[in-house]
Every structure is written in C-alpha cells, then in structure tokens.
Amino acid sequence: MRSDLIEKALAALQQGCTLLYPTDTIWGVGCDACRFEAVEKIYALKERDHSKSMLVLANEDMLSPTIPSTARELLLQSQRPTTVIIDHALLSLPLAENLFAKDGSIGVRVPRFDFCETLLARLGHPIVSTSANLSGKPSPRFYEEIAQEVKDRVDLALPNDPSFIHNPTGSSRIVKMENNGEIVVLRN
C-alpha cells in the first residue's frame, strides 16, 4: 500500500473533501462522516435523495461498548463484509446528522482491507462509504466500471493503483438490528 495515497486521502478527508476510493467490497465515494457539509456534497454528487441514508466504515476501536453483542459479533466476526443497521445512539460517535435514516438508524461496516483500515486509524473516526455511482446506476466493482462523471465530481479520485489489488466481493450483506434485538437480513 502506498503511503502517499494514504496521505492524500487523509488530507482530503480532513479538509472536508469527497473521495473516490477502494473498499473491501466495491469502489466507493466517501467523506469524513462527522462533517455535515461533506456529507451533503456526497448526496449532491450522487444525485441521491436524502431519504436514502448512507453507511459508515468504522474500526473496532470506534464501536461503542453499548453496541449489542450480536451486532458487534456480526461486524467483527463475519466471514464476508457485513453492514449492520443499528440505532445511531448505540454508536456514541459524533456523526453528521444528515447520515441517519428517518428512524435514527445508520449502517456500519468494519472493513478488512488494508487501505481502509489504515485510513480509519489515521483519521480517528468513521468514513462515509457509498457506491461510486450516480443514484440508480449499477455499482462498480472495478475501477474501470466507474463512470467518468463520478470521477469528475469527487474532490479527490484515487487512481487505480496496483497496491489496491483486492478481491472485491460486490456489495456487502446488510442486516438490521431491530429494537427488540432481532436480526433481519435485508440483503444477502
């Protein structure tokens, strides 16, 4: 992994910029999840309705002790990338309010991909992660599938660097933890 790309991405996030970057699933568009204005930029560049919330990438250190053990296990021990939708109050993180769904929930995933793990550790808080496409268009698994329009709209588009070689799995599994603790699979 190239440290210069980490430094560029980190500087962009710290300045409230949007970022095109590889994740453990597909190529994503993101920003600092604590910056309201940066999140607004993501909604605008994707032409996404605010009623469709986005998820955040976090690391284990960012998970609050108040997260139910079932959700923690899903985030940390699943063999495949899994996004858990939970009430944002259980995270105790200072996330931008425009990230939450109308019911107060937010999707969280703990990536197992060196670039994302390093960026999260260096930034110190969650990063927005949404597919690198315009709303309603197919999600790009590979850099070559990203529309030029998306590349042009982000503040920083990381290159398709050989250090990013990974095995994208496609979109993550999505489960929702209901208030009663029940786990509902929304996308497998």
Protein backbone atom coordinates (compact mmCIF):
# COMPACT_ATOMS: atom_id res chain seq x y z
CA MET A 1 0.00 0.00 0.00
CA ARG A 2 1.40 3.37 -0.99
CA SER A 3 1.73 5.77 1.94
CA ASP A 4 1.49 8.78 -0.40
CA LEU A 5 -2.05 7.74 -1.35
CA ILE A 6 -3.00 7.36 2.30
CA GLU A 7 -1.62 10.84 2.99
CA LYS A 8 -3.54 12.38 0.06
CA ALA A 9 -6.76 10.68 1.10
CA LEU A 10 -6.30 11.65 4.75
CA ALA A 11 -5.63 15.30 3.87
CA ALA A 12 -8.71 15.39 1.63
CA LEU A 13 -10.95 13.95 4.36
CA GLN A 14 -9.56 16.33 6.97
CA GLN A 15 -10.34 19.27 4.67
CA GLY A 16 -13.97 18.20 4.19
CA CYS A 17 -13.44 16.87 0.67
CA THR A 18 -15.08 13.95 -1.07
CA LEU A 19 -13.04 10.92 -2.04
CA LEU A 20 -13.21 8.11 -4.59
CA TYR A 21 -11.50 5.10 -3.01
CA PRO A 22 -11.36 1.30 -2.96
CA THR A 23 -13.11 -0.59 -0.18
CA ASP A 24 -13.37 -4.21 0.87
CA THR A 25 -16.45 -4.59 -1.31
CA ILE A 26 -16.61 -2.18 -4.26
CA TRP A 27 -15.17 1.20 -5.20
CA GLY A 28 -16.77 3.85 -3.03
CA VAL A 29 -17.34 7.54 -2.65
CA GLY A 30 -16.88 8.90 0.83
CA CYS A 31 -16.01 11.70 3.17
CA ASP A 32 -15.41 12.38 6.85
CA ALA A 33 -18.59 11.04 8.47
CA CYS A 34 -18.51 13.81 11.10
CA ARG A 35 -18.76 16.69 8.58
CA PHE A 36 -22.31 17.69 7.69
CA GLU A 37 -21.22 19.75 4.66
CA ALA A 38 -19.08 16.94 3.27
CA VAL A 39 -21.99 14.50 3.57
CA GLU A 40 -24.18 16.99 1.68
CA LYS A 41 -21.59 17.00 -1.11
CA ILE A 42 -21.92 13.22 -1.37
CA TYR A 43 -25.71 13.42 -1.70
CA ALA A 44 -25.32 16.07 -4.41
CA LEU A 45 -22.63 14.32 -6.45
CA LYS A 46 -24.56 11.04 -6.42
CA GLU A 47 -27.88 12.81 -7.09
CA ARG A 48 -29.19 10.82 -4.16
CA ASP A 49 -32.35 11.55 -2.24
CA HIS A 50 -31.79 12.30 1.45
CA SER A 51 -34.33 9.65 2.37
CA LYS A 52 -31.73 7.04 1.35
CA SER A 53 -29.21 7.04 4.16
CA MET A 54 -25.58 6.03 3.68
CA LEU A 55 -23.34 3.76 5.68
CA VAL A 56 -20.12 4.43 7.51
CA LEU A 57 -16.93 2.42 7.76
CA ALA A 58 -15.52 2.16 11.26
CA ASN A 59 -12.89 0.13 13.07
CA GLU A 60 -13.26 -1.90 16.25
CA ASP A 61 -11.98 0.94 18.43
CA MET A 62 -14.84 3.14 17.20
CA LEU A 63 -17.54 0.69 18.23
CA SER A 64 -19.18 1.75 21.44
CA PRO A 65 -19.39 -0.70 24.34
CA THR A 66 -23.16 -0.05 24.18
CA ILE A 67 -23.50 -1.86 20.85
CA PRO A 68 -25.34 -5.11 21.49
CA SER A 69 -23.05 -8.16 21.43
CA THR A 70 -24.93 -9.69 18.49
CA ALA A 71 -24.24 -6.61 16.34
CA ARG A 72 -20.61 -6.48 17.48
CA GLU A 73 -20.12 -10.15 16.55
CA LEU A 74 -21.65 -9.61 13.11
CA LEU A 75 -19.37 -6.62 12.48
CA LEU A 76 -16.17 -8.22 13.73
CA GLN A 77 -16.54 -11.93 13.04
CA SER A 78 -18.50 -12.32 9.82
CA GLN A 79 -16.53 -14.08 7.11
CA ARG A 80 -17.92 -11.75 4.47
CA PRO A 81 -18.39 -7.97 4.50
CA THR A 82 -21.49 -7.22 6.56
CA THR A 83 -23.22 -3.93 7.14
CA VAL A 84 -25.27 -3.77 10.33
CA ILE A 85 -28.02 -1.17 10.55
CA ILE A 86 -28.49 -0.05 14.14
CA ASP A 87 -29.82 2.91 16.07
CA HIS A 88 -27.18 5.64 15.87
CA ALA A 89 -27.50 6.28 19.61
CA LEU A 90 -25.81 2.92 20.23
CA LEU A 91 -22.66 4.10 18.47
CA SER A 92 -21.90 7.15 20.62
CA LEU A 93 -19.94 8.66 17.74
CA PRO A 94 -20.20 12.29 16.64
CA LEU A 95 -21.60 11.51 13.19
CA ALA A 96 -23.14 14.13 10.92
CA GLU A 97 -26.90 14.21 11.48
CA ASN A 98 -27.66 14.03 7.76
CA LEU A 99 -26.33 10.46 7.67
CA PHE A 100 -29.17 8.97 9.71
CA ALA A 101 -32.29 7.40 8.28
CA LYS A 102 -35.63 8.84 9.34
CA ASP A 103 -35.86 6.21 12.09
CA GLY A 104 -32.47 7.29 13.50
CA SER A 105 -30.61 4.26 12.21
CA ILE A 106 -27.25 4.09 10.43
CA GLY A 107 -25.44 1.32 8.59
CA VAL A 108 -21.98 0.41 9.93
CA ARG A 109 -19.34 -1.89 8.45
CA VAL A 110 -15.88 -2.80 9.72
CA PRO A 111 -13.76 -3.33 6.59
CA ARG A 112 -10.99 -5.86 6.33
CA PHE A 113 -8.94 -4.11 3.69
CA ASP A 114 -5.56 -2.53 4.46
CA PHE A 115 -6.22 0.79 2.76
CA CYS A 116 -9.49 1.38 4.64
CA GLU A 117 -8.13 0.10 7.95
CA THR A 118 -5.13 2.44 7.74
CA LEU A 119 -7.21 5.43 6.68
CA LEU A 120 -9.70 4.87 9.51
CA ALA A 121 -6.92 4.55 12.08
CA ARG A 122 -5.23 7.71 10.86
CA LEU A 123 -8.46 9.77 10.63
CA GLY A 124 -9.68 8.53 14.01
CA HIS A 125 -13.38 8.41 13.19
CA PRO A 126 -15.77 6.85 10.63
CA ILE A 127 -15.76 7.45 6.90
CA VAL A 128 -18.88 7.59 4.74
CA SER A 129 -18.97 4.77 2.23
CA THR A 130 -21.41 4.61 -0.63
CA SER A 131 -21.06 3.05 -4.05
CA ALA A 132 -19.16 5.07 -6.66
CA ASN A 133 -22.12 5.59 -8.96
CA LEU A 134 -24.93 8.01 -9.58
CA SER A 135 -28.09 7.05 -7.73
CA GLY A 136 -29.94 4.26 -9.51
CA LYS A 137 -26.99 3.21 -11.69
CA PRO A 138 -25.05 -0.08 -11.29
CA SER A 139 -22.43 -0.24 -8.52
CA PRO A 140 -18.87 -0.52 -9.87
CA ARG A 141 -16.84 -3.43 -8.52
CA PHE A 142 -13.78 -2.41 -10.50
CA TYR A 143 -12.20 0.96 -11.23
CA GLU A 144 -12.81 0.60 -14.96
CA GLU A 145 -16.57 0.43 -14.30
CA ILE A 146 -16.72 3.85 -12.58
CA ALA A 147 -18.41 6.48 -14.74
CA GLN A 148 -16.17 9.39 -15.70
CA GLU A 149 -18.89 11.71 -14.39
CA VAL A 150 -18.38 10.32 -10.88
CA LYS A 151 -14.59 10.63 -11.14
CA ASP A 152 -15.00 14.25 -12.23
CA ARG A 153 -17.42 15.14 -9.42
CA VAL A 154 -15.36 13.98 -6.43
CA ASP A 155 -12.75 16.29 -4.93
CA LEU A 156 -10.09 13.56 -4.97
CA ALA A 157 -10.24 10.48 -7.17
CA LEU A 158 -7.60 7.99 -6.12
CA PRO A 159 -6.02 6.18 -9.07
CA ASN A 160 -6.40 2.53 -9.87
CA ASP A 161 -3.11 1.73 -8.20
CA PRO A 162 -1.62 -1.79 -8.14
CA SER A 163 -1.38 -1.51 -4.35
CA PHE A 164 -5.20 -1.59 -4.28
CA ILE A 165 -5.39 -5.04 -5.79
CA HIS A 166 -8.00 -6.88 -3.82
CA ASN A 167 -10.83 -9.27 -4.40
CA PRO A 168 -13.93 -7.10 -4.38
CA THR A 169 -16.87 -9.10 -3.20
CA GLY A 170 -19.57 -6.87 -4.57
CA SER A 171 -22.00 -5.21 -2.23
CA SER A 172 -21.99 -6.20 1.42
CA ARG A 173 -24.60 -8.28 3.17
CA ILE A 174 -26.96 -5.93 5.01
CA VAL A 175 -28.70 -6.84 8.24
CA LYS A 176 -30.78 -4.70 10.54
CA MET A 177 -30.86 -4.99 14.29
CA GLU A 178 -34.38 -4.26 15.44
CA ASN A 179 -35.01 -2.54 18.78
CA ASN A 180 -36.00 -5.90 20.29
CA GLY A 181 -32.60 -7.35 19.31
CA GLU A 182 -33.92 -9.39 16.39
CA ILE A 183 -31.64 -9.52 13.31
CA VAL A 184 -33.37 -9.13 9.96
CA VAL A 185 -31.45 -9.85 6.74
CA LEU A 186 -32.20 -7.11 4.21
CA ARG A 187 -29.69 -8.16 1.54
CA ASN A 188 -27.78 -11.41 1.43
